[in-house]
C-alpha atoms as a PDB file:
ATOM      1  CA  GLN A   1       0.000   0.000   0.000  1.00  0.00           C
ATOM      2  CA  LEU A   2       1.391   3.379  -1.040  1.00  0.00           C
ATOM      3  CA  GLN A   3       1.653   5.647   1.989  1.00  0.00           C
ATOM      4  CA  LEU A   4       3.106   8.905   3.218  1.00  0.00           C
ATOM      5  CA  VAL A   5       2.730   9.427   6.952  1.00  0.00           C
ATOM      6  CA  GLU A   6       3.594  12.793   8.463  1.00  0.00           C
ATOM      7  CA  SER A   7       4.316  13.408  12.130  1.00  0.00           C
ATOM      8  CA  GLY A   8       5.914  15.955  14.418  1.00  0.00           C
ATOM      9  CA  GLY A   9       3.323  18.688  14.354  1.00  0.00           C
ATOM     10  CA  SER A  10       2.322  20.286  17.640  1.00  0.00           C
ATOM     11  CA  LEU A  11       1.619  23.530  19.478  1.00  0.00           C
ATOM     12  CA  VAL A  12       4.720  25.719  19.738  1.00  0.00           C
ATOM     13  CA  GLN A  13       5.361  29.277  20.884  1.00  0.00           C
ATOM     14  CA  PRO A  14       6.408  31.997  18.439  1.00  0.00           C
ATOM     15  CA  GLY A  15      10.143  31.813  17.854  1.00  0.00           C
ATOM     16  CA  GLY A  16      10.195  28.088  18.550  1.00  0.00           C
ATOM     17  CA  SER A  17      11.264  25.162  16.394  1.00  0.00           C
ATOM     18  CA  LEU A  18       9.796  21.894  15.160  1.00  0.00           C
ATOM     19  CA  ARG A  19      10.915  19.060  12.951  1.00  0.00           C
ATOM     20  CA  LEU A  20       8.316  17.317  10.821  1.00  0.00           C
ATOM     21  CA  SER A  21       8.886  13.813   9.484  1.00  0.00           C
ATOM     22  CA  CYS A  22       7.346  12.005   6.540  1.00  0.00           C
ATOM     23  CA  VAL A  23       7.741   8.237   6.383  1.00  0.00           C
ATOM     24  CA  ALA A  24       7.080   6.613   3.016  1.00  0.00           C
ATOM     25  CA  SER A  25       6.163   3.023   2.249  1.00  0.00           C
ATOM     26  CA  GLY A  26       4.913   0.916  -0.620  1.00  0.00           C
ATOM     27  CA  PHE A  27       6.900   2.571  -3.395  1.00  0.00           C
ATOM     28  CA  THR A  28      10.466   3.370  -4.456  1.00  0.00           C
ATOM     29  CA  PHE A  29      11.057   6.433  -2.318  1.00  0.00           C
ATOM     30  CA  HIS A  30      14.424   7.407  -3.779  1.00  0.00           C
ATOM     31  CA  ALA A  31      12.943   7.640  -7.290  1.00  0.00           C
ATOM     32  CA  TYR A  32      10.676  10.542  -6.405  1.00  0.00           C
ATOM     33  CA  TYR A  33      11.020  14.182  -5.538  1.00  0.00           C
ATOM     34  CA  ILE A  34       9.488  15.385  -2.273  1.00  0.00           C
ATOM     35  CA  SER A  35       7.641  18.586  -1.476  1.00  0.00           C
ATOM     36  CA  TRP A  36       6.081  19.927   1.687  1.00  0.00           C
ATOM     37  CA  TYR A  37       2.872  21.921   1.366  1.00  0.00           C
ATOM     38  CA  ARG A  38       0.759  23.628   3.975  1.00  0.00           C
ATOM     39  CA  GLN A  39      -2.805  24.833   4.277  1.00  0.00           C
ATOM     40  CA  ALA A  40      -4.022  27.303   6.843  1.00  0.00           C
ATOM     41  CA  PRO A  41      -7.709  27.632   7.738  1.00  0.00           C
ATOM     42  CA  GLY A  42      -9.568  29.570   5.061  1.00  0.00           C
ATOM     43  CA  LYS A  43      -6.516  29.812   2.814  1.00  0.00           C
ATOM     44  CA  GLU A  44      -5.263  28.121  -0.329  1.00  0.00           C
ATOM     45  CA  ARG A  45      -2.803  25.282  -0.048  1.00  0.00           C
ATOM     46  CA  GLU A  46       0.725  26.516  -0.710  1.00  0.00           C
ATOM     47  CA  ARG A  47       4.021  24.832  -1.421  1.00  0.00           C
ATOM     48  CA  VAL A  48       6.665  25.339   1.244  1.00  0.00           C
ATOM     49  CA  ALA A  49       9.765  23.500   0.046  1.00  0.00           C
ATOM     50  CA  CYS A  50      10.964  20.885  -2.451  1.00  0.00           C
ATOM     51  CA  ILE A  51      13.890  18.485  -2.633  1.00  0.00           C
ATOM     52  CA  SER A  52      15.273  16.386  -5.447  1.00  0.00           C
ATOM     53  CA  ASN A  53      15.276  12.601  -5.383  1.00  0.00           C
ATOM     54  CA  ARG A  54      19.063  12.590  -4.915  1.00  0.00           C
ATOM     55  CA  ASN A  55      18.967  15.059  -2.036  1.00  0.00           C
ATOM     56  CA  ASP A  56      21.126  17.580  -3.915  1.00  0.00           C
ATOM     57  CA  ILE A  57      18.712  20.327  -4.957  1.00  0.00           C
ATOM     58  CA  THR A  58      16.259  22.229  -2.791  1.00  0.00           C
ATOM     59  CA  GLU A  59      13.880  25.116  -3.325  1.00  0.00           C
ATOM     60  CA  TYR A  60      11.937  27.168  -0.824  1.00  0.00           C
ATOM     61  CA  ALA A  61       9.016  29.547  -0.827  1.00  0.00           C
ATOM     62  CA  ASP A  62      10.129  33.086  -0.037  1.00  0.00           C
ATOM     63  CA  PHE A  63       8.124  33.132   3.180  1.00  0.00           C
ATOM     64  CA  VAL A  64      10.203  30.299   4.705  1.00  0.00           C
ATOM     65  CA  LYS A  65      13.666  30.933   3.259  1.00  0.00           C
ATOM     66  CA  ASP A  66      16.399  30.956   5.931  1.00  0.00           C
ATOM     67  CA  ARG A  67      13.936  29.554   8.497  1.00  0.00           C
ATOM     68  CA  PHE A  68      12.965  26.114   7.146  1.00  0.00           C
ATOM     69  CA  THR A  69      15.178  23.289   5.872  1.00  0.00           C
ATOM     70  CA  ILE A  70      13.976  20.328   3.818  1.00  0.00           C
ATOM     71  CA  SER A  71      15.969  17.112   3.795  1.00  0.00           C
ATOM     72  CA  ARG A  72      15.569  13.409   3.191  1.00  0.00           C
ATOM     73  CA  ASP A  73      17.162  10.105   4.076  1.00  0.00           C
ATOM     74  CA  ASN A  74      16.609   7.674   1.230  1.00  0.00           C
ATOM     75  CA  ALA A  75      18.028   4.790   3.264  1.00  0.00           C
ATOM     76  CA  ILE A  76      15.035   4.938   5.606  1.00  0.00           C
ATOM     77  CA  ALA A  77      12.500   6.397   3.144  1.00  0.00           C
ATOM     78  CA  THR A  78      11.936   9.485   5.264  1.00  0.00           C
ATOM     79  CA  ALA A  79      11.750  13.193   4.505  1.00  0.00           C
ATOM     80  CA  TYR A  80      12.005  16.024   6.989  1.00  0.00           C
ATOM     81  CA  LEU A  81      11.063  19.643   7.351  1.00  0.00           C
ATOM     82  CA  GLU A  82      13.070  21.481   9.987  1.00  0.00           C
ATOM     83  CA  MET A  83      11.268  24.672  11.010  1.00  0.00           C
ATOM     84  CA  ARG A  84      12.877  27.438  13.051  1.00  0.00           C
ATOM     85  CA  THR A  85      11.847  30.896  14.216  1.00  0.00           C
ATOM     86  CA  LEU A  86       8.213  29.918  13.831  1.00  0.00           C
ATOM     87  CA  ARG A  87       5.595  32.625  13.457  1.00  0.00           C
ATOM     88  CA  PRO A  88       1.846  32.575  14.099  1.00  0.00           C
ATOM     89  CA  GLU A  89       1.316  32.776  10.329  1.00  0.00           C
ATOM     90  CA  ASP A  90       3.089  29.407   9.981  1.00  0.00           C
ATOM     91  CA  THR A  91       0.068  27.786  11.639  1.00  0.00           C
ATOM     92  CA  ALA A  92      -1.313  25.241   9.184  1.00  0.00           C
ATOM     93  CA  VAL A  93      -1.683  21.586   8.349  1.00  0.00           C
ATOM     94  CA  TYR A  94       1.563  20.465   6.720  1.00  0.00           C
ATOM     95  CA  TYR A  95       1.554  17.800   4.027  1.00  0.00           C
ATOM     96  CA  CYS A  96       4.273  15.680   2.487  1.00  0.00           C
ATOM     97  CA  THR A  97       3.963  14.866  -1.222  1.00  0.00           C
ATOM     98  CA  THR A  98       5.814  13.079  -4.014  1.00  0.00           C
ATOM     99  CA  SER A  99       6.307  14.191  -7.610  1.00  0.00           C
ATOM    100  CA  ASP A 100       8.206  13.232 -10.729  1.00  0.00           C
ATOM    101  CA  ALA A 101      10.263  16.421 -10.858  1.00  0.00           C
ATOM    102  CA  LEU A 102      11.334  19.219  -8.562  1.00  0.00           C
ATOM    103  CA  CYS A 103       8.344  21.196  -7.301  1.00  0.00           C
ATOM    104  CA  GLU A 104       6.029  19.623  -9.865  1.00  0.00           C
ATOM    105  CA  PRO A 105       2.364  18.875  -9.004  1.00  0.00           C
ATOM    106  CA  ALA A 106       2.004  16.186  -6.397  1.00  0.00           C
ATOM    107  CA  LEU A 107       1.329  12.551  -7.244  1.00  0.00           C
ATOM    108  CA  ARG A 108       0.666  11.425  -3.681  1.00  0.00           C
ATOM    109  CA  TRP A 109      -0.311  13.186  -0.466  1.00  0.00           C
ATOM    110  CA  GLY A 110       0.003  12.285   3.164  1.00  0.00           C
ATOM    111  CA  GLN A 111      -2.759  12.892   5.681  1.00  0.00           C
ATOM    112  CA  GLY A 112      -1.056  15.972   7.120  1.00  0.00           C
ATOM    113  CA  THR A 113       0.185  17.052  10.524  1.00  0.00           C
ATOM    114  CA  GLN A 114      -1.064  20.117  12.411  1.00  0.00           C
ATOM    115  CA  VAL A 115       1.382  22.857  13.369  1.00  0.00           C
ATOM    116  CA  THR A 116       0.053  25.599  15.626  1.00  0.00           C
ATOM    117  CA  VAL A 117       2.207  28.587  16.542  1.00  0.00           C
ATOM    118  CA  SER A 118       0.702  30.502  19.424  1.00  0.00           C
ATOM    119  CA  SER A 119       1.591  31.946  22.798  1.00  0.00           C
END
């Protein structure tokens, strides 16, 4: 069964940090590119960051540059999103996705993990 399972979301204070994980199963993880998206209540879903299948190219949305880091470990079929200096506007459900090329439309979605930034 093809699956992407996100975890690591929680309530955190402004300025805090979190690391999200995305564990893949049921397909050849290292063959696919990974993106993280997020969706805040009442807003459109937006792409946050992308990483190549070989872990050598990354791209970030302007609103997270220098604060978030995307990475992956193909040996354990897991992707990560390290988030620092979190802001209330980062509050959203975060999703892990796969695609055939960097930052291309997603082929598969996880169920999402909730990140809430609030004091």
